[in-house]
Amino acid sequence: MADVRPIRLHKLDEDTLGIDWSDGVSARYPVRLLRQRCPCAVCVDEVSGERTLDPEAVAAGVRPVEIKPVGRYALHIRWSDGHETGIYSYDLLRALHRELTAERPPA
């Protein structure tokens, strides 16, 4: 999966981010869920790995303000609520897509 990368990001509607991947997968991500799943040290305890962000504390109207690639492995998302420390690895985004679609990981 290391070579799989986003080739197109697009807003499908106010609540959904679309990512077209280089292997032909087209994924849909609810933007509030992406914010709720932020993997940064502010949102996840670095020692225990437990989520410290209360998902209900994320406003329903939260939106990505800016999305930039980080090297060849992740996306950095700056959010409308001021949060900007999350780096979403491609592996994390693909795992979330599998979770959302109940798709099985490749063997």
N, C-alpha and C. Protein backbone atom coordinates (compact mmCIF):
# COMPACT_ATOMS: atom_id res chain seq x y z
N MET A 1 0.83 -1.20 0.00
CA MET A 1 0.00 0.00 0.00
C MET A 1 0.87 1.25 0.00
N ALA A 2 2.15 1.13 0.18
CA ALA A 2 3.03 2.29 0.29
C ALA A 2 2.99 3.19 -0.94
N ASP A 3 2.68 2.63 -2.11
CA ASP A 3 2.66 3.44 -3.32
C ASP A 3 1.30 4.09 -3.58
N VAL A 4 0.28 3.69 -2.82
CA VAL A 4 -1.06 4.25 -3.02
C VAL A 4 -1.10 5.64 -2.41
N ARG A 5 -1.57 6.60 -3.21
CA ARG A 5 -1.61 7.99 -2.75
C ARG A 5 -2.83 8.69 -3.34
N PRO A 6 -3.26 9.77 -2.72
CA PRO A 6 -4.37 10.53 -3.29
C PRO A 6 -3.96 11.18 -4.60
N ILE A 7 -4.84 11.11 -5.59
CA ILE A 7 -4.57 11.82 -6.84
C ILE A 7 -5.53 12.99 -7.02
N ARG A 8 -6.63 12.99 -6.25
CA ARG A 8 -7.59 14.09 -6.34
C ARG A 8 -8.36 14.19 -5.03
N LEU A 9 -8.43 15.40 -4.49
CA LEU A 9 -9.27 15.70 -3.34
C LEU A 9 -10.35 16.64 -3.82
N HIS A 10 -11.58 16.39 -3.39
CA HIS A 10 -12.67 17.26 -3.84
C HIS A 10 -13.79 17.26 -2.82
N LYS A 11 -14.45 18.38 -2.72
CA LYS A 11 -15.59 18.54 -1.82
C LYS A 11 -16.82 17.98 -2.53
N LEU A 12 -17.40 16.93 -1.97
CA LEU A 12 -18.59 16.33 -2.56
C LEU A 12 -19.84 17.12 -2.17
N ASP A 13 -19.86 17.58 -0.94
CA ASP A 13 -20.90 18.47 -0.44
C ASP A 13 -20.34 19.13 0.83
N GLU A 14 -21.15 19.88 1.53
CA GLU A 14 -20.65 20.61 2.71
C GLU A 14 -20.11 19.68 3.78
N ASP A 15 -20.57 18.44 3.81
CA ASP A 15 -20.20 17.52 4.88
C ASP A 15 -19.30 16.38 4.46
N THR A 16 -18.89 16.34 3.19
CA THR A 16 -18.18 15.16 2.69
C THR A 16 -16.98 15.54 1.83
N LEU A 17 -15.84 14.96 2.16
CA LEU A 17 -14.62 15.11 1.38
C LEU A 17 -14.43 13.85 0.55
N GLY A 18 -14.17 14.02 -0.73
CA GLY A 18 -13.88 12.89 -1.60
C GLY A 18 -12.39 12.81 -1.85
N ILE A 19 -11.87 11.59 -1.82
CA ILE A 19 -10.47 11.36 -2.20
C ILE A 19 -10.45 10.24 -3.23
N ASP A 20 -9.89 10.55 -4.39
CA ASP A 20 -9.65 9.53 -5.41
C ASP A 20 -8.21 9.08 -5.24
N TRP A 21 -8.03 7.77 -5.09
CA TRP A 21 -6.72 7.19 -4.83
C TRP A 21 -6.10 6.64 -6.11
N SER A 22 -4.78 6.53 -6.10
CA SER A 22 -4.05 6.10 -7.29
C SER A 22 -4.34 4.66 -7.70
N ASP A 23 -4.94 3.87 -6.82
CA ASP A 23 -5.28 2.49 -7.17
C ASP A 23 -6.72 2.36 -7.66
N GLY A 24 -7.37 3.50 -7.93
CA GLY A 24 -8.71 3.48 -8.48
C GLY A 24 -9.84 3.56 -7.46
N VAL A 25 -9.52 3.52 -6.18
CA VAL A 25 -10.55 3.63 -5.14
C VAL A 25 -10.99 5.09 -5.02
N SER A 26 -12.30 5.29 -4.97
CA SER A 26 -12.87 6.61 -4.70
C SER A 26 -13.53 6.54 -3.33
N ALA A 27 -13.01 7.31 -2.39
CA ALA A 27 -13.48 7.26 -1.01
C ALA A 27 -14.23 8.53 -0.66
N ARG A 28 -15.20 8.37 0.24
CA ARG A 28 -15.99 9.49 0.75
C ARG A 28 -15.77 9.54 2.26
N TYR A 29 -15.43 10.73 2.77
CA TYR A 29 -15.16 10.89 4.19
C TYR A 29 -16.04 11.98 4.77
N PRO A 30 -16.87 11.67 5.77
CA PRO A 30 -17.59 12.73 6.47
C PRO A 30 -16.57 13.62 7.18
N VAL A 31 -16.60 14.92 6.91
CA VAL A 31 -15.55 15.80 7.44
C VAL A 31 -15.57 15.87 8.96
N ARG A 32 -16.73 15.85 9.57
CA ARG A 32 -16.78 15.87 11.04
C ARG A 32 -16.13 14.62 11.61
N LEU A 33 -16.34 13.48 10.99
CA LEU A 33 -15.71 12.24 11.44
C LEU A 33 -14.19 12.33 11.32
N LEU A 34 -13.70 12.91 10.23
CA LEU A 34 -12.25 13.10 10.08
C LEU A 34 -11.71 13.93 11.24
N ARG A 35 -12.39 15.01 11.56
CA ARG A 35 -11.94 15.86 12.68
C ARG A 35 -12.00 15.08 14.00
N GLN A 36 -13.06 14.30 14.20
CA GLN A 36 -13.20 13.51 15.42
C GLN A 36 -12.11 12.46 15.54
N ARG A 37 -11.59 12.00 14.42
CA ARG A 37 -10.57 10.95 14.40
C ARG A 37 -9.15 11.50 14.27
N CYS A 38 -8.99 12.78 14.52
CA CYS A 38 -7.65 13.37 14.41
C CYS A 38 -6.65 12.55 15.23
N PRO A 39 -5.50 12.19 14.62
CA PRO A 39 -4.54 11.34 15.30
C PRO A 39 -3.45 12.08 16.08
N CYS A 40 -3.56 13.40 16.21
CA CYS A 40 -2.47 14.17 16.83
C CYS A 40 -2.39 13.95 18.34
N ALA A 41 -1.29 14.41 18.93
CA ALA A 41 -1.05 14.24 20.36
C ALA A 41 -2.02 15.05 21.23
N VAL A 42 -2.67 16.05 20.67
CA VAL A 42 -3.68 16.80 21.41
C VAL A 42 -4.96 15.97 21.53
N CYS A 43 -5.22 15.13 20.54
CA CYS A 43 -6.47 14.36 20.48
C CYS A 43 -6.33 12.91 20.92
N VAL A 44 -5.10 12.41 20.98
CA VAL A 44 -4.84 11.03 21.37
C VAL A 44 -3.67 11.02 22.34
N ASP A 45 -3.82 10.34 23.48
CA ASP A 45 -2.74 10.23 24.45
C ASP A 45 -1.58 9.46 23.83
N GLU A 46 -0.41 10.06 23.83
CA GLU A 46 0.76 9.46 23.18
C GLU A 46 1.24 8.19 23.86
N VAL A 47 1.01 8.06 25.15
CA VAL A 47 1.48 6.89 25.88
C VAL A 47 0.49 5.73 25.77
N SER A 48 -0.76 6.00 26.07
CA SER A 48 -1.77 4.92 26.10
C SER A 48 -2.39 4.67 24.74
N GLY A 49 -2.36 5.67 23.85
CA GLY A 49 -3.03 5.54 22.56
C GLY A 49 -4.53 5.79 22.65
N GLU A 50 -5.01 6.13 23.84
CA GLU A 50 -6.45 6.38 24.02
C GLU A 50 -6.81 7.77 23.52
N ARG A 51 -7.97 7.84 22.91
CA ARG A 51 -8.49 9.11 22.38
C ARG A 51 -8.86 10.01 23.55
N THR A 52 -8.35 11.25 23.54
CA THR A 52 -8.67 12.22 24.59
C THR A 52 -9.70 13.25 24.11
N LEU A 53 -9.88 13.35 22.81
CA LEU A 53 -10.87 14.26 22.25
C LEU A 53 -12.26 13.66 22.40
N ASP A 54 -13.17 14.41 23.00
CA ASP A 54 -14.56 13.99 23.09
C ASP A 54 -15.19 14.24 21.72
N PRO A 55 -15.62 13.19 21.01
CA PRO A 55 -16.18 13.37 19.67
C PRO A 55 -17.36 14.34 19.64
N GLU A 56 -18.13 14.38 20.72
CA GLU A 56 -19.30 15.26 20.76
C GLU A 56 -18.89 16.73 20.89
N ALA A 57 -17.65 16.99 21.29
CA ALA A 57 -17.16 18.35 21.41
C ALA A 57 -16.83 18.98 20.06
N VAL A 58 -16.77 18.16 19.01
CA VAL A 58 -16.48 18.66 17.66
C VAL A 58 -17.77 19.21 17.06
N ALA A 59 -17.74 20.47 16.70
CA ALA A 59 -18.94 21.13 16.16
C ALA A 59 -19.42 20.46 14.88
N ALA A 60 -20.73 20.40 14.73
CA ALA A 60 -21.32 19.79 13.53
C ALA A 60 -20.89 20.51 12.26
N GLY A 61 -20.62 21.79 12.33
CA GLY A 61 -20.28 22.56 11.14
C GLY A 61 -18.79 22.68 10.86
N VAL A 62 -17.97 21.88 11.53
CA VAL A 62 -16.52 21.96 11.31
C VAL A 62 -16.20 21.60 9.87
N ARG A 63 -15.23 22.31 9.29
CA ARG A 63 -14.85 22.10 7.89
C ARG A 63 -13.33 22.18 7.74
N PRO A 64 -12.77 21.48 6.78
CA PRO A 64 -11.35 21.67 6.46
C PRO A 64 -11.19 23.06 5.82
N VAL A 65 -10.21 23.79 6.29
CA VAL A 65 -9.90 25.11 5.73
C VAL A 65 -8.78 24.97 4.71
N GLU A 66 -7.86 24.06 5.00
CA GLU A 66 -6.71 23.84 4.12
C GLU A 66 -6.26 22.39 4.26
N ILE A 67 -5.93 21.78 3.14
CA ILE A 67 -5.40 20.42 3.13
C ILE A 67 -4.13 20.44 2.29
N LYS A 68 -3.03 19.97 2.90
CA LYS A 68 -1.74 19.94 2.20
C LYS A 68 -1.11 18.56 2.35
N PRO A 69 -0.40 18.12 1.31
CA PRO A 69 0.33 16.86 1.45
C PRO A 69 1.50 17.02 2.40
N VAL A 70 1.83 15.93 3.10
CA VAL A 70 3.01 15.86 3.95
C VAL A 70 3.87 14.75 3.35
N GLY A 71 4.92 15.13 2.68
CA GLY A 71 5.76 14.13 2.03
C GLY A 71 4.94 13.27 1.09
N ARG A 72 5.24 11.97 1.11
CA ARG A 72 4.52 11.01 0.27
C ARG A 72 3.68 10.05 1.09
N TYR A 73 3.31 10.49 2.32
CA TYR A 73 2.65 9.55 3.21
C TYR A 73 1.41 10.06 3.94
N ALA A 74 1.12 11.37 3.86
CA ALA A 74 0.04 11.88 4.70
C ALA A 74 -0.52 13.19 4.17
N LEU A 75 -1.64 13.59 4.78
CA LEU A 75 -2.25 14.89 4.54
C LEU A 75 -2.31 15.65 5.86
N HIS A 76 -2.00 16.93 5.81
CA HIS A 76 -2.16 17.81 6.96
C HIS A 76 -3.44 18.61 6.73
N ILE A 77 -4.33 18.59 7.73
CA ILE A 77 -5.60 19.30 7.60
C ILE A 77 -5.68 20.39 8.66
N ARG A 78 -5.95 21.60 8.20
CA ARG A 78 -6.23 22.73 9.10
C ARG A 78 -7.74 22.89 9.11
N TRP A 79 -8.33 22.95 10.32
CA TRP A 79 -9.78 22.93 10.49
C TRP A 79 -10.35 24.30 10.84
N SER A 80 -11.63 24.48 10.55
CA SER A 80 -12.32 25.75 10.81
C SER A 80 -12.46 26.05 12.30
N ASP A 81 -12.28 25.04 13.16
CA ASP A 81 -12.34 25.27 14.60
C ASP A 81 -10.98 25.68 15.18
N GLY A 82 -10.00 25.90 14.30
CA GLY A 82 -8.68 26.34 14.72
C GLY A 82 -7.69 25.21 14.95
N HIS A 83 -8.15 23.97 14.95
CA HIS A 83 -7.26 22.83 15.16
C HIS A 83 -6.42 22.62 13.91
N GLU A 84 -5.10 22.43 14.11
CA GLU A 84 -4.25 22.29 12.92
C GLU A 84 -3.03 21.42 13.15
N THR A 85 -3.09 20.51 14.11
CA THR A 85 -1.93 19.68 14.39
C THR A 85 -2.05 18.25 13.86
N GLY A 86 -3.16 17.93 13.23
CA GLY A 86 -3.38 16.57 12.77
C GLY A 86 -2.72 16.27 11.44
N ILE A 87 -1.99 15.17 11.41
CA ILE A 87 -1.42 14.66 10.17
C ILE A 87 -2.05 13.29 9.94
N TYR A 88 -2.81 13.18 8.86
CA TYR A 88 -3.57 11.98 8.55
C TYR A 88 -2.79 11.15 7.54
N SER A 89 -2.20 10.06 8.01
CA SER A 89 -1.42 9.21 7.11
C SER A 89 -2.35 8.57 6.08
N TYR A 90 -1.80 8.24 4.94
CA TYR A 90 -2.59 7.57 3.91
C TYR A 90 -3.12 6.24 4.44
N ASP A 91 -2.30 5.53 5.23
CA ASP A 91 -2.76 4.27 5.81
C ASP A 91 -3.96 4.49 6.73
N LEU A 92 -3.93 5.54 7.53
CA LEU A 92 -5.05 5.86 8.41
C LEU A 92 -6.31 6.17 7.59
N LEU A 93 -6.16 6.97 6.55
CA LEU A 93 -7.31 7.33 5.72
C LEU A 93 -7.89 6.10 5.01
N ARG A 94 -7.03 5.22 4.54
CA ARG A 94 -7.54 4.01 3.88
C ARG A 94 -8.21 3.08 4.89
N ALA A 95 -7.67 2.99 6.10
CA ALA A 95 -8.30 2.16 7.13
C ALA A 95 -9.68 2.74 7.49
N LEU A 96 -9.78 4.04 7.56
CA LEU A 96 -11.07 4.67 7.85
C LEU A 96 -12.06 4.39 6.71
N HIS A 97 -11.58 4.45 5.47
CA HIS A 97 -12.44 4.11 4.33
C HIS A 97 -12.95 2.68 4.45
N ARG A 98 -12.05 1.74 4.79
CA ARG A 98 -12.47 0.34 4.95
C ARG A 98 -13.51 0.22 6.06
N GLU A 99 -13.30 0.95 7.15
CA GLU A 99 -14.27 0.93 8.24
C GLU A 99 -15.63 1.46 7.80
N LEU A 100 -15.61 2.53 7.06
CA LEU A 100 -16.86 3.16 6.61
C LEU A 100 -17.61 2.32 5.59
N THR A 101 -16.88 1.54 4.82
CA THR A 101 -17.51 0.76 3.76
C THR A 101 -17.53 -0.74 4.06
N ALA A 102 -16.99 -1.12 5.22
CA ALA A 102 -16.87 -2.53 5.61
C ALA A 102 -16.05 -3.31 4.58
N GLU A 103 -15.15 -2.60 3.88
CA GLU A 103 -14.25 -3.25 2.91
C GLU A 103 -13.17 -3.99 3.66
N ARG A 104 -12.82 -5.15 3.21
CA ARG A 104 -11.75 -5.92 3.84
C ARG A 104 -10.39 -5.44 3.36
N PRO A 105 -9.39 -5.43 4.25
CA PRO A 105 -8.05 -5.01 3.80
C PRO A 105 -7.49 -6.01 2.81
N PRO A 106 -6.60 -5.55 1.94
CA PRO A 106 -6.00 -6.47 0.97
C PRO A 106 -5.18 -7.56 1.68
N ALA A 107 -5.16 -8.75 1.12
CA ALA A 107 -4.44 -9.89 1.73
C ALA A 107 -2.95 -9.73 1.57
